[in-house]
Amino acid sequence: MKILSSMSGLINNILVAEGKTVKSGDVVAVVESMKMLIDIKSEAAGTITKVNCQLEEFVQDGQILFELED
């Protein structure tokens, strides 16, 4: 499973690392867009296998930020 950015903006905070277990609904990152902070949440439970973003990186809507394994 992949966790995608829900809008374009700058990565303001990354709350998980590879190997961390998350539950459905957990906030995994925060994107700053138009002076608003948007929580990026996991839609499923699992373990983060890959982090595809960095702090202050500009990401696009729909970009893969994290990869998740059951």
PDB file of N, CA and C in Angstrom:
ATOM      1  N   MET A   1       0.842  -1.180   0.000  1.00  0.00           N
ATOM      2  CA  MET A   1       0.000   0.000   0.000  1.00  0.00           C
ATOM      3  C   MET A   1       0.882   1.235   0.000  1.00  0.00           C
ATOM      4  N   LYS A   2       0.369   2.297  -0.541  1.00  0.00           N
ATOM      5  CA  LYS A   2       1.111   3.544  -0.607  1.00  0.00           C
ATOM      6  C   LYS A   2       0.315   4.651   0.090  1.00  0.00           C
ATOM      7  N   ILE A   3       1.027   5.550   0.736  1.00  0.00           N
ATOM      8  CA  ILE A   3       0.400   6.716   1.355  1.00  0.00           C
ATOM      9  C   ILE A   3       0.758   7.907   0.473  1.00  0.00           C
ATOM     10  N   LEU A   4      -0.260   8.592  -0.033  1.00  0.00           N
ATOM     11  CA  LEU A   4      -0.084   9.679  -0.992  1.00  0.00           C
ATOM     12  C   LEU A   4      -0.319  11.036  -0.349  1.00  0.00           C
ATOM     13  N   SER A   5       0.277  12.063  -0.948  1.00  0.00           N
ATOM     14  CA  SER A   5       0.005  13.437  -0.527  1.00  0.00           C
ATOM     15  C   SER A   5      -1.393  13.812  -1.003  1.00  0.00           C
ATOM     16  N   SER A   6      -2.155  14.453  -0.142  1.00  0.00           N
ATOM     17  CA  SER A   6      -3.510  14.845  -0.521  1.00  0.00           C
ATOM     18  C   SER A   6      -3.553  16.222  -1.180  1.00  0.00           C
ATOM     19  N   MET A   7      -2.422  16.935  -1.194  1.00  0.00           N
ATOM     20  CA  MET A   7      -2.326  18.204  -1.915  1.00  0.00           C
ATOM     21  C   MET A   7      -0.875  18.593  -2.104  1.00  0.00           C
ATOM     22  N   SER A   8      -0.642  19.542  -2.985  1.00  0.00           N
ATOM     23  CA  SER A   8       0.712  20.032  -3.236  1.00  0.00           C
ATOM     24  C   SER A   8       1.136  20.967  -2.103  1.00  0.00           C
ATOM     25  N   GLY A   9       2.410  20.912  -1.754  1.00  0.00           N
ATOM     26  CA  GLY A   9       2.935  21.797  -0.720  1.00  0.00           C
ATOM     27  C   GLY A   9       4.273  21.311  -0.209  1.00  0.00           C
ATOM     28  N   LEU A  10       4.749  21.951   0.852  1.00  0.00           N
ATOM     29  CA  LEU A  10       6.032  21.606   1.460  1.00  0.00           C
ATOM     30  C   LEU A  10       5.832  20.628   2.605  1.00  0.00           C
ATOM     31  N   ILE A  11       6.712  19.634   2.698  1.00  0.00           N
ATOM     32  CA  ILE A  11       6.682  18.724   3.847  1.00  0.00           C
ATOM     33  C   ILE A  11       7.139  19.512   5.073  1.00  0.00           C
ATOM     34  N   ASN A  12       6.240  19.696   6.021  1.00  0.00           N
ATOM     35  CA  ASN A  12       6.508  20.469   7.231  1.00  0.00           C
ATOM     36  C   ASN A  12       7.013  19.591   8.368  1.00  0.00           C
ATOM     37  N   ASN A  13       6.551  18.327   8.397  1.00  0.00           N
ATOM     38  CA  ASN A  13       6.929  17.409   9.478  1.00  0.00           C
ATOM     39  C   ASN A  13       6.740  15.966   9.005  1.00  0.00           C
ATOM     40  N   ILE A  14       7.666  15.110   9.386  1.00  0.00           N
ATOM     41  CA  ILE A  14       7.553  13.673   9.115  1.00  0.00           C
ATOM     42  C   ILE A  14       7.521  12.976  10.466  1.00  0.00           C
ATOM     43  N   LEU A  15       6.447  12.241  10.729  1.00  0.00           N
ATOM     44  CA  LEU A  15       6.216  11.669  12.055  1.00  0.00           C
ATOM     45  C   LEU A  15       6.527  10.182  12.151  1.00  0.00           C
ATOM     46  N   VAL A  16       6.950   9.565  11.054  1.00  0.00           N
ATOM     47  CA  VAL A  16       7.273   8.137  11.060  1.00  0.00           C
ATOM     48  C   VAL A  16       8.619   7.909  10.386  1.00  0.00           C
ATOM     49  N   ALA A  17       9.164   6.725  10.606  1.00  0.00           N
ATOM     50  CA  ALA A  17      10.409   6.312   9.963  1.00  0.00           C
ATOM     51  C   ALA A  17      10.229   4.885   9.470  1.00  0.00           C
ATOM     52  N   GLU A  18      11.132   4.441   8.630  1.00  0.00           N
ATOM     53  CA  GLU A  18      11.074   3.064   8.144  1.00  0.00           C
ATOM     54  C   GLU A  18      11.119   2.110   9.322  1.00  0.00           C
ATOM     55  N   GLY A  19      10.242   1.099   9.292  1.00  0.00           N
ATOM     56  CA  GLY A  19      10.156   0.124  10.367  1.00  0.00           C
ATOM     57  C   GLY A  19       9.103   0.442  11.413  1.00  0.00           C
ATOM     58  N   LYS A  20       8.553   1.659  11.396  1.00  0.00           N
ATOM     59  CA  LYS A  20       7.536   2.033  12.382  1.00  0.00           C
ATOM     60  C   LYS A  20       6.186   1.439  11.990  1.00  0.00           C
ATOM     61  N   THR A  21       5.464   0.939  12.983  1.00  0.00           N
ATOM     62  CA  THR A  21       4.123   0.405  12.777  1.00  0.00           C
ATOM     63  C   THR A  21       3.106   1.534  12.960  1.00  0.00           C
ATOM     64  N   VAL A  22       2.144   1.611  12.045  1.00  0.00           N
ATOM     65  CA  VAL A  22       1.092   2.625  12.126  1.00  0.00           C
ATOM     66  C   VAL A  22      -0.271   1.949  12.079  1.00  0.00           C
ATOM     67  N   LYS A  23      -1.266   2.655  12.615  1.00  0.00           N
ATOM     68  CA  LYS A  23      -2.654   2.209  12.556  1.00  0.00           C
ATOM     69  C   LYS A  23      -3.391   3.056  11.525  1.00  0.00           C
ATOM     70  N   SER A  24      -4.504   2.571  11.075  1.00  0.00           N
ATOM     71  CA  SER A  24      -5.333   3.352  10.169  1.00  0.00           C
ATOM     72  C   SER A  24      -5.730   4.650  10.862  1.00  0.00           C
ATOM     73  N   GLY A  25      -5.538   5.770  10.190  1.00  0.00           N
ATOM     74  CA  GLY A  25      -5.887   7.072  10.750  1.00  0.00           C
ATOM     75  C   GLY A  25      -4.738   7.786  11.434  1.00  0.00           C
ATOM     76  N   ASP A  26      -3.601   7.103  11.637  1.00  0.00           N
ATOM     77  CA  ASP A  26      -2.438   7.760  12.245  1.00  0.00           C
ATOM     78  C   ASP A  26      -1.890   8.830  11.299  1.00  0.00           C
ATOM     79  N   VAL A  27      -1.505   9.977  11.870  1.00  0.00           N
ATOM     80  CA  VAL A  27      -0.875  11.039  11.090  1.00  0.00           C
ATOM     81  C   VAL A  27       0.586  10.640  10.867  1.00  0.00           C
ATOM     82  N   VAL A  28       1.011  10.616   9.600  1.00  0.00           N
ATOM     83  CA  VAL A  28       2.372  10.204   9.265  1.00  0.00           C
ATOM     84  C   VAL A  28       3.239  11.380   8.810  1.00  0.00           C
ATOM     85  N   ALA A  29       2.599  12.452   8.358  1.00  0.00           N
ATOM     86  CA  ALA A  29       3.334  13.635   7.918  1.00  0.00           C
ATOM     87  C   ALA A  29       2.399  14.837   7.917  1.00  0.00           C
ATOM     88  N   VAL A  30       3.005  16.021   7.815  1.00  0.00           N
ATOM     89  CA  VAL A  30       2.237  17.260   7.723  1.00  0.00           C
ATOM     90  C   VAL A  30       2.746  18.027   6.505  1.00  0.00           C
ATOM     91  N   VAL A  31       1.807  18.453   5.641  1.00  0.00           N
ATOM     92  CA  VAL A  31       2.137  19.242   4.454  1.00  0.00           C
ATOM     93  C   VAL A  31       1.628  20.661   4.671  1.00  0.00           C
ATOM     94  N   GLU A  32       2.482  21.640   4.364  1.00  0.00           N
ATOM     95  CA  GLU A  32       2.095  23.051   4.456  1.00  0.00           C
ATOM     96  C   GLU A  32       1.742  23.543   3.062  1.00  0.00           C
ATOM     97  N   SER A  33       0.520  24.053   2.941  1.00  0.00           N
ATOM     98  CA  SER A  33       0.051  24.554   1.652  1.00  0.00           C
ATOM     99  C   SER A  33      -0.805  25.794   1.892  1.00  0.00           C
ATOM    100  N   MET A  34      -0.485  26.874   1.227  1.00  0.00           N
ATOM    101  CA  MET A  34      -1.228  28.135   1.352  1.00  0.00           C
ATOM    102  C   MET A  34      -1.382  28.541   2.824  1.00  0.00           C
ATOM    103  N   LYS A  35      -0.295  28.427   3.585  1.00  0.00           N
ATOM    104  CA  LYS A  35      -0.227  28.785   5.012  1.00  0.00           C
ATOM    105  C   LYS A  35      -1.102  27.918   5.906  1.00  0.00           C
ATOM    106  N   MET A  36      -1.570  26.783   5.372  1.00  0.00           N
ATOM    107  CA  MET A  36      -2.354  25.830   6.173  1.00  0.00           C
ATOM    108  C   MET A  36      -1.523  24.571   6.365  1.00  0.00           C
ATOM    109  N   LEU A  37      -1.714  23.910   7.506  1.00  0.00           N
ATOM    110  CA  LEU A  37      -1.041  22.645   7.769  1.00  0.00           C
ATOM    111  C   LEU A  37      -2.051  21.518   7.594  1.00  0.00           C
ATOM    112  N   ILE A  38      -1.718  20.575   6.712  1.00  0.00           N
ATOM    113  CA  ILE A  38      -2.627  19.476   6.392  1.00  0.00           C
ATOM    114  C   ILE A  38      -2.001  18.165   6.856  1.00  0.00           C
ATOM    115  N   ASP A  39      -2.726  17.443   7.711  1.00  0.00           N
ATOM    116  CA  ASP A  39      -2.258  16.141   8.182  1.00  0.00           C
ATOM    117  C   ASP A  39      -2.406  15.101   7.073  1.00  0.00           C
ATOM    118  N   ILE A  40      -1.355  14.330   6.879  1.00  0.00           N
ATOM    119  CA  ILE A  40      -1.406  13.186   5.962  1.00  0.00           C
ATOM    120  C   ILE A  40      -1.555  11.949   6.840  1.00  0.00           C
ATOM    121  N   LYS A  41      -2.648  11.216   6.637  1.00  0.00           N
ATOM    122  CA  LYS A  41      -2.957  10.061   7.488  1.00  0.00           C
ATOM    123  C   LYS A  41      -2.832   8.757   6.724  1.00  0.00           C
ATOM    124  N   SER A  42      -2.461   7.723   7.453  1.00  0.00           N
ATOM    125  CA  SER A  42      -2.425   6.386   6.881  1.00  0.00           C
ATOM    126  C   SER A  42      -3.855   5.880   6.737  1.00  0.00           C
ATOM    127  N   GLU A  43      -4.153   5.269   5.611  1.00  0.00           N
ATOM    128  CA  GLU A  43      -5.488   4.720   5.393  1.00  0.00           C
ATOM    129  C   GLU A  43      -5.589   3.259   5.791  1.00  0.00           C
ATOM    130  N   ALA A  44      -4.469   2.680   6.250  1.00  0.00           N
ATOM    131  CA  ALA A  44      -4.460   1.272   6.645  1.00  0.00           C
ATOM    132  C   ALA A  44      -3.419   1.060   7.729  1.00  0.00           C
ATOM    133  N   ALA A  45      -3.532  -0.056   8.426  1.00  0.00           N
ATOM    134  CA  ALA A  45      -2.529  -0.418   9.424  1.00  0.00           C
ATOM    135  C   ALA A  45      -1.404  -1.180   8.740  1.00  0.00           C
ATOM    136  N   GLY A  46      -0.202  -1.037   9.273  1.00  0.00           N
ATOM    137  CA  GLY A  46       0.930  -1.767   8.713  1.00  0.00           C
ATOM    138  C   GLY A  46       2.247  -1.188   9.182  1.00  0.00           C
ATOM    139  N   THR A  47       3.320  -1.579   8.497  1.00  0.00           N
ATOM    140  CA  THR A  47       4.670  -1.129   8.820  1.00  0.00           C
ATOM    141  C   THR A  47       5.204  -0.290   7.670  1.00  0.00           C
ATOM    142  N   ILE A  48       5.782   0.860   7.989  1.00  0.00           N
ATOM    143  CA  ILE A  48       6.381   1.721   6.979  1.00  0.00           C
ATOM    144  C   ILE A  48       7.628   1.019   6.432  1.00  0.00           C
ATOM    145  N   THR A  49       7.640   0.753   5.127  1.00  0.00           N
ATOM    146  CA  THR A  49       8.791   0.082   4.518  1.00  0.00           C
ATOM    147  C   THR A  49       9.694   1.046   3.768  1.00  0.00           C
ATOM    148  N   LYS A  50       9.156   2.206   3.366  1.00  0.00           N
ATOM    149  CA  LYS A  50       9.971   3.180   2.641  1.00  0.00           C
ATOM    150  C   LYS A  50       9.409   4.579   2.839  1.00  0.00           C
ATOM    151  N   VAL A  51      10.309   5.527   3.106  1.00  0.00           N
ATOM    152  CA  VAL A  51       9.958   6.945   3.201  1.00  0.00           C
ATOM    153  C   VAL A  51      10.459   7.602   1.919  1.00  0.00           C
ATOM    154  N   ASN A  52       9.543   8.179   1.141  1.00  0.00           N
ATOM    155  CA  ASN A  52       9.890   8.762  -0.156  1.00  0.00           C
ATOM    156  C   ASN A  52       9.898  10.286  -0.153  1.00  0.00           C
ATOM    157  N   CYS A  53       9.983  10.904   1.031  1.00  0.00           N
ATOM    158  CA  CYS A  53       9.963  12.362   1.110  1.00  0.00           C
ATOM    159  C   CYS A  53      10.958  12.829   2.171  1.00  0.00           C
ATOM    160  N   GLN A  54      11.283  14.122   2.123  1.00  0.00           N
ATOM    161  CA  GLN A  54      12.198  14.733   3.079  1.00  0.00           C
ATOM    162  C   GLN A  54      11.590  16.030   3.589  1.00  0.00           C
ATOM    163  N   LEU A  55      12.025  16.463   4.761  1.00  0.00           N
ATOM    164  CA  LEU A  55      11.572  17.747   5.297  1.00  0.00           C
ATOM    165  C   LEU A  55      11.850  18.865   4.298  1.00  0.00           C
ATOM    166  N   GLU A  56      10.888  19.775   4.175  1.00  0.00           N
ATOM    167  CA  GLU A  56      10.960  20.959   3.324  1.00  0.00           C
ATOM    168  C   GLU A  56      10.997  20.641   1.826  1.00  0.00           C
ATOM    169  N   GLU A  57      10.724  19.380   1.467  1.00  0.00           N
ATOM    170  CA  GLU A  57      10.612  19.014   0.052  1.00  0.00           C
ATOM    171  C   GLU A  57       9.247  19.446  -0.462  1.00  0.00           C
ATOM    172  N   PHE A  58       9.188  19.981  -1.688  1.00  0.00           N
ATOM    173  CA  PHE A  58       7.908  20.303  -2.302  1.00  0.00           C
ATOM    174  C   PHE A  58       7.350  19.040  -2.934  1.00  0.00           C
ATOM    175  N   VAL A  59       6.135  18.684  -2.566  1.00  0.00           N
ATOM    176  CA  VAL A  59       5.485  17.481  -3.108  1.00  0.00           C
ATOM    177  C   VAL A  59       4.231  17.879  -3.871  1.00  0.00           C
ATOM    178  N   GLN A  60       3.865  17.025  -4.814  1.00  0.00           N
ATOM    179  CA  GLN A  60       2.673  17.247  -5.637  1.00  0.00           C
ATOM    180  C   GLN A  60       1.489  16.454  -5.081  1.00  0.00           C
ATOM    181  N   ASP A  61       0.304  16.903  -5.390  1.00  0.00           N
ATOM    182  CA  ASP A  61      -0.917  16.175  -5.046  1.00  0.00           C
ATOM    183  C   ASP A  61      -0.834  14.782  -5.676  1.00  0.00           C
ATOM    184  N   GLY A  62      -1.034  13.744  -4.867  1.00  0.00           N
ATOM    185  CA  GLY A  62      -1.005  12.376  -5.358  1.00  0.00           C
ATOM    186  C   GLY A  62       0.369  11.725  -5.366  1.00  0.00           C
ATOM    187  N   GLN A  63       1.403  12.480  -4.970  1.00  0.00           N
ATOM    188  CA  GLN A  63       2.769  11.909  -4.917  1.00  0.00           C
ATOM    189  C   GLN A  63       2.869  10.873  -3.806  1.00  0.00           C
ATOM    190  N   ILE A  64       3.596   9.790  -4.064  1.00  0.00           N
ATOM    191  CA  ILE A  64       3.788   8.737  -3.061  1.00  0.00           C
ATOM    192  C   ILE A  64       4.776   9.230  -2.011  1.00  0.00           C
ATOM    193  N   LEU A  65       4.314   9.320  -0.750  1.00  0.00           N
ATOM    194  CA  LEU A  65       5.171   9.789   0.340  1.00  0.00           C
ATOM    195  C   LEU A  65       5.762   8.628   1.120  1.00  0.00           C
ATOM    196  N   PHE A  66       4.972   7.572   1.326  1.00  0.00           N
ATOM    197  CA  PHE A  66       5.403   6.421   2.124  1.00  0.00           C
ATOM    198  C   PHE A  66       4.885   5.144   1.480  1.00  0.00           C
ATOM    199  N   GLU A  67       5.620   4.059   1.710  1.00  0.00           N
ATOM    200  CA  GLU A  67       5.153   2.741   1.307  1.00  0.00           C
ATOM    201  C   GLU A  67       4.913   1.933   2.572  1.00  0.00           C
ATOM    202  N   LEU A  68       3.826   1.188   2.583  1.00  0.00           N
ATOM    203  CA  LEU A  68       3.323   0.510   3.767  1.00  0.00           C
ATOM    204  C   LEU A  68       3.086  -0.954   3.446  1.00  0.00           C
ATOM    205  N   GLU A  69       3.471  -1.825   4.369  1.00  0.00           N
ATOM    206  CA  GLU A  69       3.260  -3.268   4.196  1.00  0.00           C
ATOM    207  C   GLU A  69       2.427  -3.783   5.361  1.00  0.00           C
ATOM    208  N   ASP A  70       1.479  -4.672   5.062  1.00  0.00           N
ATOM    209  CA  ASP A  70       0.621  -5.240   6.118  1.00  0.00           C
ATOM    210  C   ASP A  70       1.424  -6.046   7.105  1.00  0.00           C
TER     211      ASP A  70
END
